């Protein structure tokens, strides 16, 4: 990604290509996702999540208990 932004960490980019995508063992409903992130959002737009939110979503989808 840093090459895409021409070594400028503050430069905005339009898209990110993900690799090593994995399917969750347990689907997560939109309502559950909003509950985990604790705010309203639209999945049709970009939004940032914290590392903790990512971990909670991942744990929910992979049936792992949330560890802190």
PDB file of N, CA and C in Angstrom:
ATOM      1  N   UNK A   1       0.814  -1.191   0.000  1.00  0.00           N
ATOM      2  CA  UNK A   1       0.000   0.000   0.000  1.00  0.00           C
ATOM      3  C   UNK A   1       0.859   1.257   0.000  1.00  0.00           C
ATOM      4  N   UNK A   2       1.984   1.201   0.674  1.00  0.00           N
ATOM      5  CA  UNK A   2       2.805   2.403   0.746  1.00  0.00           C
ATOM      6  C   UNK A   2       3.317   2.795  -0.641  1.00  0.00           C
ATOM      7  N   UNK A   3       3.557   1.799  -1.502  1.00  0.00           N
ATOM      8  CA  UNK A   3       3.963   2.119  -2.875  1.00  0.00           C
ATOM      9  C   UNK A   3       2.829   2.820  -3.612  1.00  0.00           C
ATOM     10  N   UNK A   4       1.598   2.362  -3.382  1.00  0.00           N
ATOM     11  CA  UNK A   4       0.436   2.978  -4.024  1.00  0.00           C
ATOM     12  C   UNK A   4       0.308   4.442  -3.622  1.00  0.00           C
ATOM     13  N   UNK A   5       0.644   4.743  -2.377  1.00  0.00           N
ATOM     14  CA  UNK A   5       0.556   6.120  -1.863  1.00  0.00           C
ATOM     15  C   UNK A   5       1.850   6.897  -2.091  1.00  0.00           C
ATOM     16  N   UNK A   6       2.748   6.339  -2.886  1.00  0.00           N
ATOM     17  CA  UNK A   6       4.025   6.997  -3.199  1.00  0.00           C
ATOM     18  C   UNK A   6       4.781   7.394  -1.939  1.00  0.00           C
ATOM     19  N   UNK A   7       4.841   6.456  -0.990  1.00  0.00           N
ATOM     20  CA  UNK A   7       5.563   6.619   0.284  1.00  0.00           C
ATOM     21  C   UNK A   7       5.017   7.729   1.178  1.00  0.00           C
ATOM     22  N   UNK A   8       3.807   8.182   0.927  1.00  0.00           N
ATOM     23  CA  UNK A   8       3.175   9.220   1.742  1.00  0.00           C
ATOM     24  C   UNK A   8       2.119   8.560   2.627  1.00  0.00           C
ATOM     25  N   UNK A   9       2.427   8.415   3.918  1.00  0.00           N
ATOM     26  CA  UNK A   9       1.522   7.721   4.842  1.00  0.00           C
ATOM     27  C   UNK A   9       0.191   8.436   5.027  1.00  0.00           C
ATOM     28  N   UNK A  10       0.122   9.707   4.683  1.00  0.00           N
ATOM     29  CA  UNK A  10      -1.121  10.461   4.855  1.00  0.00           C
ATOM     30  C   UNK A  10      -1.930  10.581   3.574  1.00  0.00           C
ATOM     31  N   UNK A  11      -1.411  10.059   2.475  1.00  0.00           N
ATOM     32  CA  UNK A  11      -2.104  10.157   1.197  1.00  0.00           C
ATOM     33  C   UNK A  11      -3.265   9.164   1.162  1.00  0.00           C
ATOM     34  N   UNK A  12      -4.419   9.623   0.673  1.00  0.00           N
ATOM     35  CA  UNK A  12      -5.585   8.761   0.555  1.00  0.00           C
ATOM     36  C   UNK A  12      -5.452   7.878  -0.685  1.00  0.00           C
ATOM     37  N   UNK A  13      -5.915   6.648  -0.555  1.00  0.00           N
ATOM     38  CA  UNK A  13      -5.954   5.736  -1.695  1.00  0.00           C
ATOM     39  C   UNK A  13      -7.396   5.276  -1.879  1.00  0.00           C
ATOM     40  N   UNK A  14      -7.722   4.796  -3.063  1.00  0.00           N
ATOM     41  CA  UNK A  14      -9.112   4.468  -3.386  1.00  0.00           C
ATOM     42  C   UNK A  14      -9.526   3.050  -2.989  1.00  0.00           C
ATOM     43  N   UNK A  15      -8.601   2.104  -2.981  1.00  0.00           N
ATOM     44  CA  UNK A  15      -8.987   0.725  -2.688  1.00  0.00           C
ATOM     45  C   UNK A  15      -7.793  -0.055  -2.164  1.00  0.00           C
ATOM     46  N   UNK A  16      -8.095  -1.126  -1.481  1.00  0.00           N
ATOM     47  CA  UNK A  16      -7.080  -2.030  -0.978  1.00  0.00           C
ATOM     48  C   UNK A  16      -7.448  -3.430  -1.454  1.00  0.00           C
ATOM     49  N   UNK A  17      -6.473  -4.162  -1.947  1.00  0.00           N
ATOM     50  CA  UNK A  17      -6.717  -5.545  -2.345  1.00  0.00           C
ATOM     51  C   UNK A  17      -6.328  -6.432  -1.175  1.00  0.00           C
ATOM     52  N   UNK A  18      -7.241  -7.266  -0.764  1.00  0.00           N
ATOM     53  CA  UNK A  18      -6.992  -8.146   0.365  1.00  0.00           C
ATOM     54  C   UNK A  18      -6.536  -9.513  -0.129  1.00  0.00           C
ATOM     55  N   UNK A  19      -5.709 -10.153   0.659  1.00  0.00           N
ATOM     56  CA  UNK A  19      -5.303 -11.525   0.359  1.00  0.00           C
ATOM     57  C   UNK A  19      -5.498 -12.360   1.611  1.00  0.00           C
ATOM     58  N   UNK A  20      -5.399 -13.642   1.438  1.00  0.00           N
ATOM     59  CA  UNK A  20      -5.591 -14.581   2.557  1.00  0.00           C
ATOM     60  C   UNK A  20      -6.965 -14.404   3.193  1.00  0.00           C
ATOM     61  N   UNK A  21      -7.961 -14.160   2.366  1.00  0.00           N
ATOM     62  CA  UNK A  21      -9.328 -14.011   2.858  1.00  0.00           C
ATOM     63  C   UNK A  21      -9.807 -15.352   3.378  1.00  0.00           C
ATOM     64  N   UNK A  22     -10.482 -15.348   4.500  1.00  0.00           N
ATOM     65  CA  UNK A  22     -11.041 -16.586   5.026  1.00  0.00           C
ATOM     66  C   UNK A  22     -12.508 -16.389   5.369  1.00  0.00           C
ATOM     67  N   UNK A  23     -13.269 -17.427   5.177  1.00  0.00           N
ATOM     68  CA  UNK A  23     -14.692 -17.388   5.507  1.00  0.00           C
ATOM     69  C   UNK A  23     -14.873 -17.661   6.993  1.00  0.00           C
ATOM     70  N   UNK A  24     -15.794 -16.945   7.603  1.00  0.00           N
ATOM     71  CA  UNK A  24     -16.123 -17.201   8.996  1.00  0.00           C
ATOM     72  C   UNK A  24     -16.886 -18.515   9.107  1.00  0.00           C
ATOM     73  N   UNK A  25     -16.658 -19.226  10.187  1.00  0.00           N
ATOM     74  CA  UNK A  25     -17.407 -20.457  10.467  1.00  0.00           C
ATOM     75  C   UNK A  25     -18.835 -20.116  10.850  1.00  0.00           C
ATOM     76  N   UNK A  26     -19.023 -18.950  11.447  1.00  0.00           N
ATOM     77  CA  UNK A  26     -20.329 -18.495  11.918  1.00  0.00           C
ATOM     78  C   UNK A  26     -20.639 -17.151  11.269  1.00  0.00           C
ATOM     79  N   UNK A  27     -21.666 -17.080  10.420  1.00  0.00           N
ATOM     80  CA  UNK A  27     -22.019 -15.787   9.816  1.00  0.00           C
ATOM     81  C   UNK A  27     -22.371 -14.752  10.891  1.00  0.00           C
ATOM     82  N   UNK A  28     -22.049 -13.505  10.616  1.00  0.00           N
ATOM     83  CA  UNK A  28     -22.355 -12.409  11.534  1.00  0.00           C
ATOM     84  C   UNK A  28     -23.427 -11.545  10.894  1.00  0.00           C
ATOM     85  N   UNK A  29     -24.517 -11.329  11.602  1.00  0.00           N
ATOM     86  CA  UNK A  29     -25.592 -10.487  11.074  1.00  0.00           C
ATOM     87  C   UNK A  29     -25.160  -9.027  11.123  1.00  0.00           C
ATOM     88  N   UNK A  30     -25.812  -8.203  10.306  1.00  0.00           N
ATOM     89  CA  UNK A  30     -25.527  -6.771  10.294  1.00  0.00           C
ATOM     90  C   UNK A  30     -25.804  -6.158  11.666  1.00  0.00           C
ATOM     91  N   UNK A  31     -26.892  -6.586  12.307  1.00  0.00           N
ATOM     92  CA  UNK A  31     -27.217  -6.074  13.644  1.00  0.00           C
ATOM     93  C   UNK A  31     -26.112  -6.411  14.640  1.00  0.00           C
ATOM     94  N   UNK A  32     -25.585  -7.636  14.571  1.00  0.00           N
ATOM     95  CA  UNK A  32     -24.513  -8.054  15.469  1.00  0.00           C
ATOM     96  C   UNK A  32     -23.246  -7.249  15.193  1.00  0.00           C
ATOM     97  N   UNK A  33     -22.967  -6.992  13.926  1.00  0.00           N
ATOM     98  CA  UNK A  33     -21.802  -6.200  13.554  1.00  0.00           C
ATOM     99  C   UNK A  33     -21.901  -4.787  14.128  1.00  0.00           C
ATOM    100  N   UNK A  34     -23.083  -4.180  14.016  1.00  0.00           N
ATOM    101  CA  UNK A  34     -23.282  -2.844  14.594  1.00  0.00           C
ATOM    102  C   UNK A  34     -23.176  -2.880  16.119  1.00  0.00           C
ATOM    103  N   UNK A  35     -23.615  -3.977  16.717  1.00  0.00           N
ATOM    104  CA  UNK A  35     -23.502  -4.118  18.171  1.00  0.00           C
ATOM    105  C   UNK A  35     -22.030  -4.202  18.584  1.00  0.00           C
ATOM    106  N   UNK A  36     -21.245  -4.975  17.861  1.00  0.00           N
ATOM    107  CA  UNK A  36     -19.825  -5.125  18.177  1.00  0.00           C
ATOM    108  C   UNK A  36     -19.101  -3.798  18.032  1.00  0.00           C
ATOM    109  N   UNK A  37     -19.365  -3.082  16.931  1.00  0.00           N
ATOM    110  CA  UNK A  37     -18.671  -1.826  16.669  1.00  0.00           C
ATOM    111  C   UNK A  37     -19.271  -0.679  17.483  1.00  0.00           C
ATOM    112  N   UNK A  38     -20.496  -0.850  17.948  1.00  0.00           N
ATOM    113  CA  UNK A  38     -21.172   0.115  18.820  1.00  0.00           C
ATOM    114  C   UNK A  38     -21.383   1.474  18.161  1.00  0.00           C
ATOM    115  N   UNK A  39     -21.730   1.428  16.873  1.00  0.00           N
ATOM    116  CA  UNK A  39     -22.121   2.660  16.168  1.00  0.00           C
ATOM    117  C   UNK A  39     -22.832   2.270  14.884  1.00  0.00           C
ATOM    118  N   UNK A  40     -23.600   3.199  14.361  1.00  0.00           N
ATOM    119  CA  UNK A  40     -24.328   2.966  13.113  1.00  0.00           C
ATOM    120  C   UNK A  40     -23.401   3.249  11.932  1.00  0.00           C
ATOM    121  N   UNK A  41     -23.490   2.439  10.914  1.00  0.00           N
ATOM    122  CA  UNK A  41     -22.682   2.634   9.722  1.00  0.00           C
ATOM    123  C   UNK A  41     -23.348   1.939   8.553  1.00  0.00           C
ATOM    124  N   UNK A  42     -22.835   2.194   7.378  1.00  0.00           N
ATOM    125  CA  UNK A  42     -23.317   1.558   6.165  1.00  0.00           C
ATOM    126  C   UNK A  42     -22.183   0.734   5.587  1.00  0.00           C
ATOM    127  N   UNK A  43     -22.457  -0.479   5.168  1.00  0.00           N
ATOM    128  CA  UNK A  43     -21.398  -1.303   4.583  1.00  0.00           C
ATOM    129  C   UNK A  43     -21.111  -0.902   3.138  1.00  0.00           C
ATOM    130  N   UNK A  44     -21.871   0.047   2.605  1.00  0.00           N
ATOM    131  CA  UNK A  44     -21.617   0.527   1.251  1.00  0.00           C
ATOM    132  C   UNK A  44     -20.589   1.650   1.232  1.00  0.00           C
ATOM    133  N   UNK A  45     -20.140   2.063   2.397  1.00  0.00           N
ATOM    134  CA  UNK A  45     -19.150   3.129   2.451  1.00  0.00           C
ATOM    135  C   UNK A  45     -17.975   2.681   3.308  1.00  0.00           C
ATOM    136  N   UNK A  46     -16.888   3.400   3.180  1.00  0.00           N
ATOM    137  CA  UNK A  46     -15.697   3.078   3.951  1.00  0.00           C
ATOM    138  C   UNK A  46     -15.848   3.553   5.386  1.00  0.00           C
ATOM    139  N   UNK A  47     -15.284   2.805   6.291  1.00  0.00           N
ATOM    140  CA  UNK A  47     -15.213   3.245   7.677  1.00  0.00           C
ATOM    141  C   UNK A  47     -14.076   2.501   8.351  1.00  0.00           C
ATOM    142  N   UNK A  48     -13.465   3.156   9.310  1.00  0.00           N
ATOM    143  CA  UNK A  48     -12.347   2.558  10.033  1.00  0.00           C
ATOM    144  C   UNK A  48     -12.858   1.833  11.263  1.00  0.00           C
ATOM    145  N   UNK A  49     -12.171   0.756  11.595  1.00  0.00           N
ATOM    146  CA  UNK A  49     -12.428   0.065  12.850  1.00  0.00           C
ATOM    147  C   UNK A  49     -11.101  -0.074  13.581  1.00  0.00           C
ATOM    148  N   UNK A  50     -11.187  -0.172  14.877  1.00  0.00           N
ATOM    149  CA  UNK A  50      -9.982  -0.307  15.688  1.00  0.00           C
ATOM    150  C   UNK A  50      -9.492  -1.754  15.657  1.00  0.00           C
ATOM    151  N   UNK A  51      -8.302  -1.963  16.157  1.00  0.00           N
ATOM    152  CA  UNK A  51      -7.773  -3.328  16.268  1.00  0.00           C
ATOM    153  C   UNK A  51      -8.658  -4.169  17.184  1.00  0.00           C
ATOM    154  N   UNK A  52      -9.160  -3.538  18.237  1.00  0.00           N
ATOM    155  CA  UNK A  52     -10.024  -4.254  19.182  1.00  0.00           C
ATOM    156  C   UNK A  52     -11.345  -4.663  18.513  1.00  0.00           C
ATOM    157  N   UNK A  53     -11.908  -3.757  17.686  1.00  0.00           N
ATOM    158  CA  UNK A  53     -13.141  -4.081  16.966  1.00  0.00           C
ATOM    159  C   UNK A  53     -12.899  -5.207  15.966  1.00  0.00           C
ATOM    160  N   UNK A  54     -11.771  -5.164  15.255  1.00  0.00           N
ATOM    161  CA  UNK A  54     -11.425  -6.222  14.324  1.00  0.00           C
ATOM    162  C   UNK A  54     -11.324  -7.555  15.053  1.00  0.00           C
ATOM    163  N   UNK A  55     -10.650  -7.552  16.193  1.00  0.00           N
ATOM    164  CA  UNK A  55     -10.481  -8.778  16.978  1.00  0.00           C
ATOM    165  C   UNK A  55     -11.835  -9.327  17.434  1.00  0.00           C
ATOM    166  N   UNK A  56     -12.729  -8.450  17.888  1.00  0.00           N
ATOM    167  CA  UNK A  56     -14.053  -8.885  18.338  1.00  0.00           C
ATOM    168  C   UNK A  56     -14.858  -9.472  17.180  1.00  0.00           C
ATOM    169  N   UNK A  57     -14.792  -8.841  16.005  1.00  0.00           N
ATOM    170  CA  UNK A  57     -15.505  -9.356  14.828  1.00  0.00           C
ATOM    171  C   UNK A  57     -14.919 -10.704  14.418  1.00  0.00           C
ATOM    172  N   UNK A  58     -13.607 -10.788  14.366  1.00  0.00           N
ATOM    173  CA  UNK A  58     -12.944 -12.039  13.979  1.00  0.00           C
ATOM    174  C   UNK A  58     -13.296 -13.161  14.951  1.00  0.00           C
ATOM    175  N   UNK A  59     -13.228 -12.848  16.242  1.00  0.00           N
ATOM    176  CA  UNK A  59     -13.559 -13.857  17.252  1.00  0.00           C
ATOM    177  C   UNK A  59     -15.013 -14.312  17.129  1.00  0.00           C
ATOM    178  N   UNK A  60     -15.910 -13.385  16.873  1.00  0.00           N
ATOM    179  CA  UNK A  60     -17.330 -13.728  16.708  1.00  0.00           C
ATOM    180  C   UNK A  60     -17.520 -14.655  15.504  1.00  0.00           C
ATOM    181  N   UNK A  61     -16.853 -14.359  14.427  1.00  0.00           N
ATOM    182  CA  UNK A  61     -17.015 -15.142  13.205  1.00  0.00           C
ATOM    183  C   UNK A  61     -16.306 -16.481  13.215  1.00  0.00           C
ATOM    184  N   UNK A  62     -15.306 -16.613  14.074  1.00  0.00           N
ATOM    185  CA  UNK A  62     -14.558 -17.875  14.135  1.00  0.00           C
ATOM    186  C   UNK A  62     -14.877 -18.672  15.391  1.00  0.00           C
ATOM    187  N   UNK A  63     -15.883 -18.233  16.120  1.00  0.00           N
ATOM    188  CA  UNK A  63     -16.354 -18.909  17.332  1.00  0.00           C
ATOM    189  C   UNK A  63     -15.338 -18.929  18.459  1.00  0.00           C
ATOM    190  N   UNK A  64     -14.390 -18.010  18.441  1.00  0.00           N
ATOM    191  CA  UNK A  64     -13.430 -17.910  19.545  1.00  0.00           C
ATOM    192  C   UNK A  64     -14.000 -16.991  20.605  1.00  0.00           C
ATOM    193  N   UNK A  65     -13.634 -17.203  21.827  1.00  0.00           N
ATOM    194  CA  UNK A  65     -14.080 -16.291  22.882  1.00  0.00           C
ATOM    195  C   UNK A  65     -13.278 -15.004  22.783  1.00  0.00           C
ATOM    196  N   UNK A  66     -13.893 -13.904  23.188  1.00  0.00           N
ATOM    197  CA  UNK A  66     -13.195 -12.623  23.138  1.00  0.00           C
ATOM    198  C   UNK A  66     -12.215 -12.539  24.289  1.00  0.00           C
ATOM    199  N   UNK A  67     -10.970 -12.355  23.932  1.00  0.00           N
ATOM    200  CA  UNK A  67      -9.912 -12.223  24.932  1.00  0.00           C
ATOM    201  C   UNK A  67      -9.455 -10.786  24.936  1.00  0.00           C
ATOM    202  N   UNK A  68      -9.127 -10.286  26.066  1.00  0.00           N
ATOM    203  CA  UNK A  68      -8.652  -8.906  26.146  1.00  0.00           C
ATOM    204  C   UNK A  68      -7.281  -8.861  26.748  1.00  0.00           C
TER     205      UNK A  68
END
